[in-house]
Amino acid sequence: MHRYERPKDLETALDLRAGGEWQVIAGGTDVFPAMVGRVAPRPLLDISGIEALRRIEETAAGWRLGACLRWSELRDHSLPPLFDGLRKAAGMIGGRQIQNRATLGGNLCNASPAADGAAALLALDARVELRSRRGRRELPLAEFLLGNRRTALAPDELLTAILVPASRGEARSDFLKLGARKYLVISIVMVALVLEGDAQGVIRRAGIAVGACAPTARRLPLLEERLLGRRLDEPLAEAVDGGVLAPLSPIDDIRGTAAYRREAALVLLRRGLEGLATAMPGAA
């Protein structure tokens, strides 16, 4: 059996991380199922005991979500409407048992193309905080996620927090997911939407991301650009057409064809925009 360590503080964890090749675990909901029937290929560094990595903190710049924050903790936390979409995603990840163990950081480091948290956090302009004995650095989430099961995490680094900038106006967000059922299912398509409007109901920022349709979740910059400057009482769904899906590269697999995923993405985008336009202050 390999060595197992569960430090209580970040400094000890960084020392261990720098001193060898570890399999880092937090909730373990991705790692342990892959190890059924075999010995762990590497020593296990369990960071779930570091309480400092499970906090939600509001700062002058925005919000700091600890990487070991469990999805159920985020789901049940009182947060502003900016986070409605992320909290909705938290309630759809696996089932209740998974949500009580799985973590935000683990979801990102696993880097599945169908990771529900990735699309919701991309739409929020999230950045990741990475720490090692060499220091601290930040990366936009889009630069951290490199592909299927691939990230920019260095061998001696830990993902310690997800940073979400403060909204610049009235914000609303949503998350829509298509699967064979609502829970305990890998997404066929997911869509995350964030709109920020001013006092006159004019959209000043839009964050739109689609997951399970490319090697990583992708933002839709053309659609975001089309929404800027529009009023919230306009029929926003009209901004959605096939051209906005250019960043996506869906595949055929057992859950659906590429053509089906494209059509489903369009439907979910239109549905999400209709819902947000109705909910936003300033909408008719």
C-alpha atoms as a PDB file:
ATOM      1  CA  MET A   1       0.000   0.000   0.000  1.00  0.00           C
ATOM      2  CA  HIS A   2       1.268   3.458  -0.876  1.00  0.00           C
ATOM      3  CA  ARG A   3       1.849   6.225   1.617  1.00  0.00           C
ATOM      4  CA  TYR A   4      -1.175   8.324   2.639  1.00  0.00           C
ATOM      5  CA  GLU A   5      -0.950  11.821   4.135  1.00  0.00           C
ATOM      6  CA  ARG A   6      -3.764  14.116   5.328  1.00  0.00           C
ATOM      7  CA  PRO A   7      -2.223  17.426   6.455  1.00  0.00           C
ATOM      8  CA  LYS A   8      -4.215  19.954   8.458  1.00  0.00           C
ATOM      9  CA  ASP A   9      -2.584  23.086   7.072  1.00  0.00           C
ATOM     10  CA  LEU A  10      -1.655  24.366   3.629  1.00  0.00           C
ATOM     11  CA  GLU A  11       2.060  24.856   4.395  1.00  0.00           C
ATOM     12  CA  THR A  12       2.512  21.182   5.231  1.00  0.00           C
ATOM     13  CA  ALA A  13       0.581  20.183   2.133  1.00  0.00           C
ATOM     14  CA  LEU A  14       2.804  22.356  -0.063  1.00  0.00           C
ATOM     15  CA  ASP A  15       5.928  20.855   1.506  1.00  0.00           C
ATOM     16  CA  LEU A  16       4.674  17.355   0.747  1.00  0.00           C
ATOM     17  CA  ARG A  17       3.595  18.313  -2.761  1.00  0.00           C
ATOM     18  CA  ALA A  18       7.059  19.688  -3.492  1.00  0.00           C
ATOM     19  CA  GLY A  19       8.774  16.564  -2.184  1.00  0.00           C
ATOM     20  CA  GLY A  20       7.388  13.887  -4.471  1.00  0.00           C
ATOM     21  CA  GLU A  21       4.846  12.715  -7.002  1.00  0.00           C
ATOM     22  CA  TRP A  22       1.437  12.573  -5.309  1.00  0.00           C
ATOM     23  CA  GLN A  23      -2.117  11.828  -6.301  1.00  0.00           C
ATOM     24  CA  VAL A  24      -3.965  14.758  -4.759  1.00  0.00           C
ATOM     25  CA  ILE A  25      -7.460  14.019  -3.478  1.00  0.00           C
ATOM     26  CA  ALA A  26     -10.113  16.105  -1.745  1.00  0.00           C
ATOM     27  CA  GLY A  27     -13.530  14.472  -2.015  1.00  0.00           C
ATOM     28  CA  GLY A  28     -12.085  11.524  -3.929  1.00  0.00           C
ATOM     29  CA  THR A  29     -15.264  11.038  -5.962  1.00  0.00           C
ATOM     30  CA  ASP A  30     -13.357  10.907  -9.259  1.00  0.00           C
ATOM     31  CA  VAL A  31     -10.147   9.267  -8.039  1.00  0.00           C
ATOM     32  CA  PHE A  32     -11.465   6.353  -5.983  1.00  0.00           C
ATOM     33  CA  PRO A  33     -13.925   4.915  -8.549  1.00  0.00           C
ATOM     34  CA  ALA A  34     -11.043   4.745 -11.035  1.00  0.00           C
ATOM     35  CA  MET A  35      -9.017   2.706  -8.509  1.00  0.00           C
ATOM     36  CA  VAL A  36     -11.579  -0.023  -7.820  1.00  0.00           C
ATOM     37  CA  GLY A  37      -9.874  -3.416  -7.842  1.00  0.00           C
ATOM     38  CA  ARG A  38      -6.336  -2.076  -8.017  1.00  0.00           C
ATOM     39  CA  VAL A  39      -3.713  -0.395  -5.873  1.00  0.00           C
ATOM     40  CA  ALA A  40      -3.348   3.376  -6.054  1.00  0.00           C
ATOM     41  CA  PRO A  41      -0.622   4.110  -8.614  1.00  0.00           C
ATOM     42  CA  ARG A  42       0.872   6.924  -6.498  1.00  0.00           C
ATOM     43  CA  PRO A  43       0.998   8.039  -2.849  1.00  0.00           C
ATOM     44  CA  LEU A  44      -2.178   9.861  -1.792  1.00  0.00           C
ATOM     45  CA  LEU A  45      -2.125  13.463  -0.580  1.00  0.00           C
ATOM     46  CA  ASP A  46      -5.524  14.160   0.957  1.00  0.00           C
ATOM     47  CA  ILE A  47      -6.124  17.908   1.352  1.00  0.00           C
ATOM     48  CA  SER A  48      -9.711  17.581   2.627  1.00  0.00           C
ATOM     49  CA  GLY A  49      -8.608  18.316   6.208  1.00  0.00           C
ATOM     50  CA  ILE A  50      -7.380  21.847   5.422  1.00  0.00           C
ATOM     51  CA  GLU A  51     -10.245  23.993   6.716  1.00  0.00           C
ATOM     52  CA  ALA A  52      -8.806  27.153   5.148  1.00  0.00           C
ATOM     53  CA  LEU A  53      -9.565  25.675   1.724  1.00  0.00           C
ATOM     54  CA  ARG A  54     -13.282  25.274   2.494  1.00  0.00           C
ATOM     55  CA  ARG A  55     -14.208  28.921   3.025  1.00  0.00           C
ATOM     56  CA  ILE A  56     -16.356  31.319   1.044  1.00  0.00           C
ATOM     57  CA  GLU A  57     -15.042  34.860   1.406  1.00  0.00           C
ATOM     58  CA  GLU A  58     -16.213  38.160  -0.047  1.00  0.00           C
ATOM     59  CA  THR A  59     -13.370  40.557  -0.861  1.00  0.00           C
ATOM     60  CA  ALA A  60     -13.135  44.046  -2.337  1.00  0.00           C
ATOM     61  CA  ALA A  61     -12.428  42.473  -5.732  1.00  0.00           C
ATOM     62  CA  GLY A  62     -15.136  39.829  -5.593  1.00  0.00           C
ATOM     63  CA  TRP A  63     -15.466  36.368  -4.116  1.00  0.00           C
ATOM     64  CA  ARG A  64     -12.977  33.709  -3.062  1.00  0.00           C
ATOM     65  CA  LEU A  65     -14.242  30.125  -3.115  1.00  0.00           C
ATOM     66  CA  GLY A  66     -11.938  27.636  -1.417  1.00  0.00           C
ATOM     67  CA  ALA A  67     -10.902  24.759  -3.664  1.00  0.00           C
ATOM     68  CA  CYS A  68     -12.028  22.158  -1.092  1.00  0.00           C
ATOM     69  CA  LEU A  69     -15.477  23.703  -0.755  1.00  0.00           C
ATOM     70  CA  ARG A  70     -18.004  20.926  -1.216  1.00  0.00           C
ATOM     71  CA  TRP A  71     -20.776  21.330  -3.744  1.00  0.00           C
ATOM     72  CA  SER A  72     -23.474  20.934  -1.089  1.00  0.00           C
ATOM     73  CA  GLU A  73     -21.879  23.740   0.958  1.00  0.00           C
ATOM     74  CA  LEU A  74     -21.961  26.030  -2.060  1.00  0.00           C
ATOM     75  CA  ARG A  75     -25.486  24.910  -2.993  1.00  0.00           C
ATOM     76  CA  ASP A  76     -26.832  25.804   0.455  1.00  0.00           C
ATOM     77  CA  HIS A  77     -24.845  28.996   1.045  1.00  0.00           C
ATOM     78  CA  SER A  78     -26.551  32.393   0.903  1.00  0.00           C
ATOM     79  CA  LEU A  79     -25.008  34.113  -2.116  1.00  0.00           C
ATOM     80  CA  PRO A  80     -26.150  36.968  -4.405  1.00  0.00           C
ATOM     81  CA  PRO A  81     -28.054  36.262  -7.651  1.00  0.00           C
ATOM     82  CA  LEU A  82     -24.756  36.360  -9.563  1.00  0.00           C
ATOM     83  CA  PHE A  83     -24.204  32.818  -8.247  1.00  0.00           C
ATOM     84  CA  ASP A  84     -27.662  31.377  -8.955  1.00  0.00           C
ATOM     85  CA  GLY A  85     -26.391  29.453 -11.971  1.00  0.00           C
ATOM     86  CA  LEU A  86     -23.378  28.016 -10.140  1.00  0.00           C
ATOM     87  CA  ARG A  87     -25.539  27.016  -7.173  1.00  0.00           C
ATOM     88  CA  LYS A  88     -28.009  25.378  -9.548  1.00  0.00           C
ATOM     89  CA  ALA A  89     -25.144  23.424 -11.121  1.00  0.00           C
ATOM     90  CA  ALA A  90     -24.034  22.394  -7.619  1.00  0.00           C
ATOM     91  CA  GLY A  91     -27.437  20.816  -7.056  1.00  0.00           C
ATOM     92  CA  MET A  92     -27.177  18.761 -10.258  1.00  0.00           C
ATOM     93  CA  ILE A  93     -23.710  17.266  -9.791  1.00  0.00           C
ATOM     94  CA  GLY A  94     -24.118  13.565  -9.106  1.00  0.00           C
ATOM     95  CA  GLY A  95     -26.546  12.869  -6.253  1.00  0.00           C
ATOM     96  CA  ARG A  96     -26.721  14.123  -2.679  1.00  0.00           C
ATOM     97  CA  GLN A  97     -23.939  11.805  -1.504  1.00  0.00           C
ATOM     98  CA  ILE A  98     -21.601  13.057  -4.235  1.00  0.00           C
ATOM     99  CA  GLN A  99     -22.488  16.685  -3.552  1.00  0.00           C
ATOM    100  CA  ASN A 100     -21.602  16.142   0.117  1.00  0.00           C
ATOM    101  CA  ARG A 101     -18.091  14.919  -0.790  1.00  0.00           C
ATOM    102  CA  ALA A 102     -17.079  16.316  -4.184  1.00  0.00           C
ATOM    103  CA  THR A 103     -15.278  19.680  -4.299  1.00  0.00           C
ATOM    104  CA  LEU A 104     -15.081  22.642  -6.646  1.00  0.00           C
ATOM    105  CA  GLY A 105     -11.340  22.259  -7.090  1.00  0.00           C
ATOM    106  CA  GLY A 106     -11.576  18.545  -7.745  1.00  0.00           C
ATOM    107  CA  ASN A 107     -14.182  19.107 -10.441  1.00  0.00           C
ATOM    108  CA  LEU A 108     -11.831  21.499 -12.240  1.00  0.00           C
ATOM    109  CA  CYS A 109      -8.634  19.476 -11.765  1.00  0.00           C
ATOM    110  CA  ASN A 110     -10.341  16.345 -13.082  1.00  0.00           C
ATOM    111  CA  ALA A 111     -10.911  18.386 -16.253  1.00  0.00           C
ATOM    112  CA  SER A 112     -13.725  16.345 -17.741  1.00  0.00           C
ATOM    113  CA  PRO A 113     -15.286  17.953 -20.836  1.00  0.00           C
ATOM    114  CA  ALA A 114     -18.639  17.372 -19.104  1.00  0.00           C
ATOM    115  CA  ALA A 115     -17.656  18.908 -15.732  1.00  0.00           C
ATOM    116  CA  ASP A 116     -20.752  20.854 -14.681  1.00  0.00           C
ATOM    117  CA  GLY A 117     -18.785  23.348 -12.603  1.00  0.00           C
ATOM    118  CA  ALA A 118     -16.481  24.401 -15.431  1.00  0.00           C
ATOM    119  CA  ALA A 119     -19.151  25.981 -17.642  1.00  0.00           C
ATOM    120  CA  ALA A 120     -20.793  27.821 -14.740  1.00  0.00           C
ATOM    121  CA  LEU A 121     -17.463  29.202 -13.516  1.00  0.00           C
ATOM    122  CA  LEU A 122     -16.338  30.197 -17.017  1.00  0.00           C
ATOM    123  CA  ALA A 123     -19.488  32.269 -17.426  1.00  0.00           C
ATOM    124  CA  LEU A 124     -18.553  34.044 -14.176  1.00  0.00           C
ATOM    125  CA  ASP A 125     -15.104  35.063 -15.514  1.00  0.00           C
ATOM    126  CA  ALA A 126     -13.521  32.907 -12.821  1.00  0.00           C
ATOM    127  CA  ARG A 127      -9.798  32.643 -12.221  1.00  0.00           C
ATOM    128  CA  VAL A 128      -7.930  29.944 -10.332  1.00  0.00           C
ATOM    129  CA  GLU A 129      -5.379  30.492  -7.574  1.00  0.00           C
ATOM    130  CA  LEU A 130      -2.432  28.065  -7.693  1.00  0.00           C
ATOM    131  CA  ARG A 131       0.062  27.714  -4.849  1.00  0.00           C
ATOM    132  CA  SER A 132       3.403  25.970  -4.480  1.00  0.00           C
ATOM    133  CA  ARG A 133       6.618  26.445  -2.537  1.00  0.00           C
ATOM    134  CA  ARG A 134       7.705  28.656  -5.453  1.00  0.00           C
ATOM    135  CA  GLY A 135       4.888  31.096  -4.796  1.00  0.00           C
ATOM    136  CA  ARG A 136       1.379  31.971  -5.883  1.00  0.00           C
ATOM    137  CA  ARG A 137      -0.051  32.558  -9.335  1.00  0.00           C
ATOM    138  CA  GLU A 138      -3.454  33.163 -10.918  1.00  0.00           C
ATOM    139  CA  LEU A 139      -4.791  31.964 -14.241  1.00  0.00           C
ATOM    140  CA  PRO A 140      -8.070  32.582 -16.037  1.00  0.00           C
ATOM    141  CA  LEU A 141     -10.045  29.356 -15.878  1.00  0.00           C
ATOM    142  CA  ALA A 142     -10.013  29.148 -19.677  1.00  0.00           C
ATOM    143  CA  GLU A 143      -6.196  28.981 -19.573  1.00  0.00           C
ATOM    144  CA  PHE A 144      -6.163  26.447 -16.744  1.00  0.00           C
ATOM    145  CA  LEU A 145      -8.357  23.923 -18.585  1.00  0.00           C
ATOM    146  CA  LEU A 146      -6.225  22.641 -21.468  1.00  0.00           C
ATOM    147  CA  GLY A 147      -8.269  19.680 -22.695  1.00  0.00           C
ATOM    148  CA  ASN A 148      -9.780  16.345 -21.741  1.00  0.00           C
ATOM    149  CA  ARG A 149      -8.219  15.495 -18.331  1.00  0.00           C
ATOM    150  CA  ARG A 150      -5.499  18.120 -18.924  1.00  0.00           C
ATOM    151  CA  THR A 151      -4.805  21.277 -16.904  1.00  0.00           C
ATOM    152  CA  ALA A 152      -2.036  23.833 -16.466  1.00  0.00           C
ATOM    153  CA  LEU A 153      -1.390  22.655 -12.889  1.00  0.00           C
ATOM    154  CA  ALA A 154       2.348  22.132 -12.308  1.00  0.00           C
ATOM    155  CA  PRO A 155       3.530  18.945 -10.538  1.00  0.00           C
ATOM    156  CA  ASP A 156       4.345  20.853  -7.330  1.00  0.00           C
ATOM    157  CA  GLU A 157       1.218  23.043  -7.269  1.00  0.00           C
ATOM    158  CA  LEU A 158      -2.152  22.844  -5.556  1.00  0.00           C
ATOM    159  CA  LEU A 159      -5.301  24.586  -6.728  1.00  0.00           C
ATOM    160  CA  THR A 160      -6.260  26.538  -3.609  1.00  0.00           C
ATOM    161  CA  ALA A 161      -9.150  28.813  -4.629  1.00  0.00           C
ATOM    162  CA  ILE A 162     -11.478  29.938  -7.373  1.00  0.00           C
ATOM    163  CA  LEU A 163     -11.758  33.719  -7.698  1.00  0.00           C
ATOM    164  CA  VAL A 164     -14.940  35.314  -9.049  1.00  0.00           C
ATOM    165  CA  PRO A 165     -14.968  39.062  -9.782  1.00  0.00           C
ATOM    166  CA  ALA A 166     -17.675  41.228  -8.255  1.00  0.00           C
ATOM    167  CA  SER A 167     -20.607  42.095 -10.479  1.00  0.00           C
ATOM    168  CA  ARG A 168     -20.677  45.578 -11.952  1.00  0.00           C
ATOM    169  CA  GLY A 169     -24.447  45.920 -11.821  1.00  0.00           C
ATOM    170  CA  GLU A 170     -27.606  43.941 -11.209  1.00  0.00           C
ATOM    171  CA  ALA A 171     -26.696  40.359 -12.080  1.00  0.00           C
ATOM    172  CA  ARG A 172     -28.664  37.215 -12.803  1.00  0.00           C
ATOM    173  CA  SER A 173     -27.410  33.806 -13.845  1.00  0.00           C
ATOM    174  CA  ASP A 174     -28.735  30.393 -14.769  1.00  0.00           C
ATOM    175  CA  PHE A 175     -27.565  26.885 -15.568  1.00  0.00           C
ATOM    176  CA  LEU A 176     -29.377  24.415 -17.810  1.00  0.00           C
ATOM    177  CA  LYS A 177     -28.359  20.810 -18.285  1.00  0.00           C
ATOM    178  CA  LEU A 178     -29.563  18.108 -20.649  1.00  0.00           C
ATOM    179  CA  GLY A 179     -29.019  14.490 -19.694  1.00  0.00           C
ATOM    180  CA  ALA A 180     -30.800  11.166 -19.781  1.00  0.00           C
ATOM    181  CA  ARG A 181     -32.170  12.137 -16.340  1.00  0.00           C
ATOM    182  CA  LYS A 182     -31.761  15.050 -13.950  1.00  0.00           C
ATOM    183  CA  TYR A 183     -29.262  13.532 -11.475  1.00  0.00           C
ATOM    184  CA  LEU A 184     -26.465  10.952 -11.501  1.00  0.00           C
ATOM    185  CA  VAL A 185     -25.840  11.407 -15.194  1.00  0.00           C
ATOM    186  CA  ILE A 186     -23.103  12.756 -17.462  1.00  0.00           C
ATOM    187  CA  SER A 187     -24.345  15.803 -19.326  1.00  0.00           C
ATOM    188  CA  ILE A 188     -25.147  15.644 -23.023  1.00  0.00           C
ATOM    189  CA  VAL A 189     -25.067  19.455 -23.148  1.00  0.00           C
ATOM    190  CA  MET A 190     -24.954  22.131 -20.462  1.00  0.00           C
ATOM    191  CA  VAL A 191     -25.313  25.895 -20.730  1.00  0.00           C
ATOM    192  CA  ALA A 192     -24.330  28.578 -18.196  1.00  0.00           C
ATOM    193  CA  LEU A 193     -25.472  32.187 -18.567  1.00  0.00           C
ATOM    194  CA  VAL A 194     -24.634  35.384 -16.671  1.00  0.00           C
ATOM    195  CA  LEU A 195     -26.116  38.796 -17.508  1.00  0.00           C
ATOM    196  CA  GLU A 196     -25.314  42.054 -15.737  1.00  0.00           C
ATOM    197  CA  GLY A 197     -27.583  45.020 -16.391  1.00  0.00           C
ATOM    198  CA  ASP A 198     -27.469  48.676 -15.396  1.00  0.00           C
ATOM    199  CA  ALA A 199     -30.234  50.699 -13.737  1.00  0.00           C
ATOM    200  CA  GLN A 200     -31.881  51.261 -17.132  1.00  0.00           C
ATOM    201  CA  GLY A 201     -32.025  47.547 -17.887  1.00  0.00           C
ATOM    202  CA  VAL A 202     -29.208  47.638 -20.456  1.00  0.00           C
ATOM    203  CA  ILE A 203     -26.864  44.637 -20.565  1.00  0.00           C
ATOM    204  CA  ARG A 204     -23.301  45.722 -19.737  1.00  0.00           C
ATOM    205  CA  ARG A 205     -21.730  42.261 -19.364  1.00  0.00           C
ATOM    206  CA  ALA A 206     -22.634  38.838 -20.649  1.00  0.00           C
ATOM    207  CA  GLY A 207     -20.963  35.525 -19.858  1.00  0.00           C
ATOM    208  CA  ILE A 208     -22.225  32.523 -21.838  1.00  0.00           C
ATOM    209  CA  ALA A 209     -20.551  29.105 -21.741  1.00  0.00           C
ATOM    210  CA  VAL A 210     -21.387  25.644 -23.075  1.00  0.00           C
ATOM    211  CA  GLY A 211     -20.049  22.359 -21.717  1.00  0.00           C
ATOM    212  CA  ALA A 212     -19.853  18.776 -23.046  1.00  0.00           C
ATOM    213  CA  CYS A 213     -19.507  20.077 -26.614  1.00  0.00           C
ATOM    214  CA  ALA A 214     -15.703  20.429 -26.871  1.00  0.00           C
ATOM    215  CA  PRO A 215     -12.595  19.108 -25.066  1.00  0.00           C
ATOM    216  CA  THR A 216     -13.285  21.765 -22.412  1.00  0.00           C
ATOM    217  CA  ALA A 217     -16.221  24.057 -21.682  1.00  0.00           C
ATOM    218  CA  ARG A 218     -16.200  27.014 -24.071  1.00  0.00           C
ATOM    219  CA  ARG A 219     -17.365  30.628 -23.917  1.00  0.00           C
ATOM    220  CA  LEU A 220     -19.451  31.954 -26.827  1.00  0.00           C
ATOM    221  CA  PRO A 221     -17.941  35.408 -27.519  1.00  0.00           C
ATOM    222  CA  LEU A 222     -20.111  36.195 -30.572  1.00  0.00           C
ATOM    223  CA  LEU A 223     -23.311  35.685 -28.600  1.00  0.00           C
ATOM    224  CA  GLU A 224     -21.922  37.689 -25.670  1.00  0.00           C
ATOM    225  CA  GLU A 225     -21.080  40.541 -28.035  1.00  0.00           C
ATOM    226  CA  ARG A 226     -24.558  40.480 -29.560  1.00  0.00           C
ATOM    227  CA  LEU A 227     -26.157  40.813 -26.134  1.00  0.00           C
ATOM    228  CA  LEU A 228     -24.133  43.823 -25.001  1.00  0.00           C
ATOM    229  CA  GLY A 229     -26.094  47.058 -25.163  1.00  0.00           C
ATOM    230  CA  ARG A 230     -29.429  45.343 -25.614  1.00  0.00           C
ATOM    231  CA  ARG A 231     -32.289  45.975 -23.249  1.00  0.00           C
ATOM    232  CA  LEU A 232     -33.462  43.243 -20.955  1.00  0.00           C
ATOM    233  CA  ASP A 233     -37.034  43.605 -22.158  1.00  0.00           C
ATOM    234  CA  GLU A 234     -36.015  42.726 -25.700  1.00  0.00           C
ATOM    235  CA  PRO A 235     -36.470  39.179 -27.079  1.00  0.00           C
ATOM    236  CA  LEU A 236     -32.894  38.139 -26.280  1.00  0.00           C
ATOM    237  CA  ALA A 237     -33.336  34.604 -27.597  1.00  0.00           C
ATOM    238  CA  GLU A 238     -33.352  36.076 -31.105  1.00  0.00           C
ATOM    239  CA  ALA A 239     -29.605  36.661 -30.743  1.00  0.00           C
ATOM    240  CA  VAL A 240     -29.025  32.889 -30.841  1.00  0.00           C
ATOM    241  CA  ASP A 241     -28.298  31.186 -34.142  1.00  0.00           C
ATOM    242  CA  GLY A 242     -25.950  28.498 -35.401  1.00  0.00           C
ATOM    243  CA  GLY A 243     -23.124  30.979 -35.906  1.00  0.00           C
ATOM    244  CA  VAL A 244     -22.640  31.546 -32.173  1.00  0.00           C
ATOM    245  CA  LEU A 245     -21.634  27.879 -31.749  1.00  0.00           C
ATOM    246  CA  ALA A 246     -18.397  28.288 -33.741  1.00  0.00           C
ATOM    247  CA  PRO A 247     -16.106  27.630 -30.699  1.00  0.00           C
ATOM    248  CA  LEU A 248     -17.728  24.220 -30.128  1.00  0.00           C
ATOM    249  CA  SER A 249     -16.640  20.867 -31.556  1.00  0.00           C
ATOM    250  CA  PRO A 250     -19.172  18.295 -30.327  1.00  0.00           C
ATOM    251  CA  ILE A 251     -18.655  14.598 -31.005  1.00  0.00           C
ATOM    252  CA  ASP A 252     -20.835  11.565 -31.613  1.00  0.00           C
ATOM    253  CA  ASP A 253     -20.915   9.206 -28.623  1.00  0.00           C
ATOM    254  CA  ILE A 254     -23.273   6.908 -26.765  1.00  0.00           C
ATOM    255  CA  ARG A 255     -25.131   9.869 -25.231  1.00  0.00           C
ATOM    256  CA  GLY A 256     -25.866  11.726 -28.464  1.00  0.00           C
ATOM    257  CA  THR A 257     -24.658  12.788 -31.881  1.00  0.00           C
ATOM    258  CA  ALA A 258     -22.763  15.980 -32.628  1.00  0.00           C
ATOM    259  CA  ALA A 259     -25.766  17.310 -34.568  1.00  0.00           C
ATOM    260  CA  TYR A 260     -28.080  16.599 -31.637  1.00  0.00           C
ATOM    261  CA  ARG A 261     -25.727  18.370 -29.236  1.00  0.00           C
ATOM    262  CA  ARG A 262     -25.619  21.463 -31.448  1.00  0.00           C
ATOM    263  CA  GLU A 263     -29.393  21.625 -31.704  1.00  0.00           C
ATOM    264  CA  ALA A 264     -29.802  21.026 -27.973  1.00  0.00           C
ATOM    265  CA  ALA A 265     -27.296  23.794 -27.197  1.00  0.00           C
ATOM    266  CA  LEU A 266     -29.312  26.267 -29.276  1.00  0.00           C
ATOM    267  CA  VAL A 267     -32.532  25.288 -27.494  1.00  0.00           C
ATOM    268  CA  LEU A 268     -30.966  25.611 -24.036  1.00  0.00           C
ATOM    269  CA  LEU A 269     -29.362  28.967 -24.888  1.00  0.00           C
ATOM    270  CA  ARG A 270     -32.679  30.405 -26.080  1.00  0.00           C
ATOM    271  CA  ARG A 271     -34.524  28.991 -23.081  1.00  0.00           C
ATOM    272  CA  GLY A 272     -31.945  30.377 -20.661  1.00  0.00           C
ATOM    273  CA  LEU A 273     -31.970  33.861 -22.180  1.00  0.00           C
ATOM    274  CA  GLU A 274     -35.755  33.986 -22.124  1.00  0.00           C
ATOM    275  CA  GLY A 275     -35.718  33.086 -18.432  1.00  0.00           C
ATOM    276  CA  LEU A 276     -33.073  35.643 -17.492  1.00  0.00           C
ATOM    277  CA  ALA A 277     -34.750  38.447 -19.435  1.00  0.00           C
ATOM    278  CA  THR A 278     -37.948  37.775 -17.488  1.00  0.00           C
ATOM    279  CA  ALA A 279     -36.146  37.718 -14.143  1.00  0.00           C
ATOM    280  CA  MET A 280     -33.891  40.746 -14.546  1.00  0.00           C
ATOM    281  CA  PRO A 281     -34.791  44.137 -13.070  1.00  0.00           C
ATOM    282  CA  GLY A 282     -35.790  46.425 -15.938  1.00  0.00           C
ATOM    283  CA  ALA A 283     -37.340  43.628 -17.973  1.00  0.00           C
ATOM    284  CA  ALA A 284     -40.941  43.982 -19.113  1.00  0.00           C
END
